[in-house]
């Protein structure tokens, strides 16, 4: 299973780095792909992991009122991403996270320019 999480931090400078490192630190040990600056696809094994991460991120957001917003997508078991990424990101999304196409043939690259 996997989901997407994205956050925005409304403080600049060192405090931004500190809060971002804290939020990102909760993903240690999980298989993730960084999509954009603070947007990640996260692979998890149980719904308990999803709830745990939600609580951890919520605690940080609540401790910094008005300075952090985050959103988690619903859990997904499969699916195909579309977009414009470097080739290695597509490969990581499809191979390590088990998203994307069932069969990895040449035509897959039509979606990956």
C-alpha atoms as a PDB file:
ATOM      1  CA  UNK A   1       0.000   0.000   0.000  1.00  0.00           C
ATOM      2  CA  UNK A   2       1.091   3.562  -0.480  1.00  0.00           C
ATOM      3  CA  UNK A   3      -0.108   7.118  -0.078  1.00  0.00           C
ATOM      4  CA  UNK A   4       1.038  10.613  -0.923  1.00  0.00           C
ATOM      5  CA  UNK A   5       1.830  13.212   1.711  1.00  0.00           C
ATOM      6  CA  UNK A   6       2.594  16.852   1.099  1.00  0.00           C
ATOM      7  CA  UNK A   7       3.193  19.708   3.480  1.00  0.00           C
ATOM      8  CA  UNK A   8       3.778  23.420   3.491  1.00  0.00           C
ATOM      9  CA  UNK A   9       5.721  25.328   6.133  1.00  0.00           C
ATOM     10  CA  UNK A  10       4.987  29.037   6.454  1.00  0.00           C
ATOM     11  CA  UNK A  11       8.200  30.095   8.211  1.00  0.00           C
ATOM     12  CA  UNK A  12      11.400  30.784   6.335  1.00  0.00           C
ATOM     13  CA  UNK A  13      15.013  30.252   7.252  1.00  0.00           C
ATOM     14  CA  UNK A  14      16.399  27.876   9.841  1.00  0.00           C
ATOM     15  CA  UNK A  15      13.002  27.208  11.410  1.00  0.00           C
ATOM     16  CA  UNK A  16      11.744  25.980   8.014  1.00  0.00           C
ATOM     17  CA  UNK A  17      14.643  23.542   7.813  1.00  0.00           C
ATOM     18  CA  UNK A  18      14.081  22.394  11.376  1.00  0.00           C
ATOM     19  CA  UNK A  19      10.365  21.737  10.902  1.00  0.00           C
ATOM     20  CA  UNK A  20      10.885  20.102   7.520  1.00  0.00           C
ATOM     21  CA  UNK A  21      13.551  17.802   8.985  1.00  0.00           C
ATOM     22  CA  UNK A  22      11.178  16.867  11.809  1.00  0.00           C
ATOM     23  CA  UNK A  23       8.310  16.029   9.437  1.00  0.00           C
ATOM     24  CA  UNK A  24      10.615  14.140   7.091  1.00  0.00           C
ATOM     25  CA  UNK A  25      12.236  12.299   9.984  1.00  0.00           C
ATOM     26  CA  UNK A  26       9.020  10.420  10.665  1.00  0.00           C
ATOM     27  CA  UNK A  27       9.504   8.730   7.278  1.00  0.00           C
ATOM     28  CA  UNK A  28      12.815   7.158   8.294  1.00  0.00           C
ATOM     29  CA  UNK A  29      12.582   3.431   7.716  1.00  0.00           C
ATOM     30  CA  UNK A  30       9.847   3.715   5.099  1.00  0.00           C
ATOM     31  CA  UNK A  31      10.363   3.286   1.373  1.00  0.00           C
ATOM     32  CA  UNK A  32       9.638   6.710  -0.112  1.00  0.00           C
ATOM     33  CA  UNK A  33       9.965   8.600  -3.372  1.00  0.00           C
ATOM     34  CA  UNK A  34      10.313  12.368  -3.261  1.00  0.00           C
ATOM     35  CA  UNK A  35       8.017  13.749  -5.946  1.00  0.00           C
ATOM     36  CA  UNK A  36       8.362  17.487  -5.396  1.00  0.00           C
ATOM     37  CA  UNK A  37       9.932  19.768  -2.784  1.00  0.00           C
ATOM     38  CA  UNK A  38       7.830  18.526   0.141  1.00  0.00           C
ATOM     39  CA  UNK A  39       5.696  15.866  -1.551  1.00  0.00           C
ATOM     40  CA  UNK A  40       6.393  12.178  -1.048  1.00  0.00           C
ATOM     41  CA  UNK A  41       4.971   8.812  -1.999  1.00  0.00           C
ATOM     42  CA  UNK A  42       5.242   6.548   1.033  1.00  0.00           C
ATOM     43  CA  UNK A  43       5.007   2.759   1.020  1.00  0.00           C
ATOM     44  CA  UNK A  44       3.574   1.221   4.179  1.00  0.00           C
ATOM     45  CA  UNK A  45       2.583  -2.278   5.214  1.00  0.00           C
ATOM     46  CA  UNK A  46      -0.304  -1.597   7.584  1.00  0.00           C
ATOM     47  CA  UNK A  47      -3.068   0.942   8.119  1.00  0.00           C
ATOM     48  CA  UNK A  48      -1.602   1.385  11.606  1.00  0.00           C
ATOM     49  CA  UNK A  49       1.459   2.985   9.991  1.00  0.00           C
ATOM     50  CA  UNK A  50      -0.818   5.443   8.208  1.00  0.00           C
ATOM     51  CA  UNK A  51      -2.557   6.374  11.471  1.00  0.00           C
ATOM     52  CA  UNK A  52       0.777   6.640  13.304  1.00  0.00           C
ATOM     53  CA  UNK A  53       2.244   9.012  10.714  1.00  0.00           C
ATOM     54  CA  UNK A  54      -0.958  11.063  10.723  1.00  0.00           C
ATOM     55  CA  UNK A  55      -0.711  11.493  14.502  1.00  0.00           C
ATOM     56  CA  UNK A  56       2.993  12.355  14.394  1.00  0.00           C
ATOM     57  CA  UNK A  57       2.545  15.018  11.714  1.00  0.00           C
ATOM     58  CA  UNK A  58      -0.578  16.358  13.446  1.00  0.00           C
ATOM     59  CA  UNK A  59       1.318  16.743  16.722  1.00  0.00           C
ATOM     60  CA  UNK A  60       4.000  18.850  15.025  1.00  0.00           C
ATOM     61  CA  UNK A  61       1.409  20.955  13.187  1.00  0.00           C
ATOM     62  CA  UNK A  62      -0.557  21.554  16.394  1.00  0.00           C
ATOM     63  CA  UNK A  63       2.638  22.511  18.241  1.00  0.00           C
ATOM     64  CA  UNK A  64       3.307  25.126  15.543  1.00  0.00           C
ATOM     65  CA  UNK A  65      -0.136  26.678  14.991  1.00  0.00           C
ATOM     66  CA  UNK A  66      -0.516  28.467  11.700  1.00  0.00           C
ATOM     67  CA  UNK A  67       2.945  27.451  10.527  1.00  0.00           C
ATOM     68  CA  UNK A  68       2.385  23.987   9.030  1.00  0.00           C
ATOM     69  CA  UNK A  69      -0.253  22.469   6.781  1.00  0.00           C
ATOM     70  CA  UNK A  70      -0.138  18.902   5.526  1.00  0.00           C
ATOM     71  CA  UNK A  71      -2.401  16.503   3.706  1.00  0.00           C
ATOM     72  CA  UNK A  72      -2.277  12.738   3.204  1.00  0.00           C
ATOM     73  CA  UNK A  73      -3.998  11.017   0.301  1.00  0.00           C
ATOM     74  CA  UNK A  74      -6.135   7.935   0.908  1.00  0.00           C
ATOM     75  CA  UNK A  75      -4.244   4.642   0.966  1.00  0.00           C
ATOM     76  CA  UNK A  76      -3.829   3.074  -2.466  1.00  0.00           C
ATOM     77  CA  UNK A  77      -3.018  -0.511  -3.347  1.00  0.00           C
ATOM     78  CA  UNK A  78      -2.274   0.122  -7.007  1.00  0.00           C
ATOM     79  CA  UNK A  79      -2.557   2.821  -9.569  1.00  0.00           C
ATOM     80  CA  UNK A  80      -0.696   4.530 -12.346  1.00  0.00           C
ATOM     81  CA  UNK A  81       0.911   7.920 -12.026  1.00  0.00           C
ATOM     82  CA  UNK A  82       1.019  10.406 -14.867  1.00  0.00           C
ATOM     83  CA  UNK A  83       3.287  13.413 -15.012  1.00  0.00           C
ATOM     84  CA  UNK A  84       6.648  14.753 -16.050  1.00  0.00           C
ATOM     85  CA  UNK A  85       9.610  13.412 -14.085  1.00  0.00           C
ATOM     86  CA  UNK A  86      13.199  12.374 -14.462  1.00  0.00           C
ATOM     87  CA  UNK A  87      13.459   8.754 -15.600  1.00  0.00           C
ATOM     88  CA  UNK A  88      14.905   7.540 -12.299  1.00  0.00           C
ATOM     89  CA  UNK A  89      11.847   8.831 -10.422  1.00  0.00           C
ATOM     90  CA  UNK A  90       9.524   6.876 -12.698  1.00  0.00           C
ATOM     91  CA  UNK A  91      11.629   3.774 -12.226  1.00  0.00           C
ATOM     92  CA  UNK A  92      11.562   4.127  -8.466  1.00  0.00           C
ATOM     93  CA  UNK A  93       7.819   4.738  -8.443  1.00  0.00           C
ATOM     94  CA  UNK A  94       7.071   1.687 -10.554  1.00  0.00           C
ATOM     95  CA  UNK A  95       9.653  -0.756  -9.229  1.00  0.00           C
ATOM     96  CA  UNK A  96      10.208   0.027  -5.567  1.00  0.00           C
ATOM     97  CA  UNK A  97       6.712   1.194  -4.724  1.00  0.00           C
ATOM     98  CA  UNK A  98       4.838  -1.200  -6.958  1.00  0.00           C
ATOM     99  CA  UNK A  99       2.805   1.516  -8.634  1.00  0.00           C
ATOM    100  CA  UNK A 100       2.373   2.071 -12.326  1.00  0.00           C
ATOM    101  CA  UNK A 101       2.123  -0.629 -14.948  1.00  0.00           C
ATOM    102  CA  UNK A 102       1.950  -4.341 -14.362  1.00  0.00           C
ATOM    103  CA  UNK A 103       4.214  -5.028 -17.332  1.00  0.00           C
ATOM    104  CA  UNK A 104       7.420  -3.127 -17.958  1.00  0.00           C
ATOM    105  CA  UNK A 105       7.710  -2.989 -21.721  1.00  0.00           C
ATOM    106  CA  UNK A 106       8.962  -0.256 -23.991  1.00  0.00           C
ATOM    107  CA  UNK A 107       5.567   1.370 -24.359  1.00  0.00           C
ATOM    108  CA  UNK A 108       5.669   2.342 -20.695  1.00  0.00           C
ATOM    109  CA  UNK A 109       8.136   5.055 -21.596  1.00  0.00           C
ATOM    110  CA  UNK A 110       5.461   6.864 -23.612  1.00  0.00           C
ATOM    111  CA  UNK A 111       4.195   8.230 -20.285  1.00  0.00           C
ATOM    112  CA  UNK A 112       7.598   9.109 -18.923  1.00  0.00           C
ATOM    113  CA  UNK A 113       9.138  11.855 -21.037  1.00  0.00           C
END
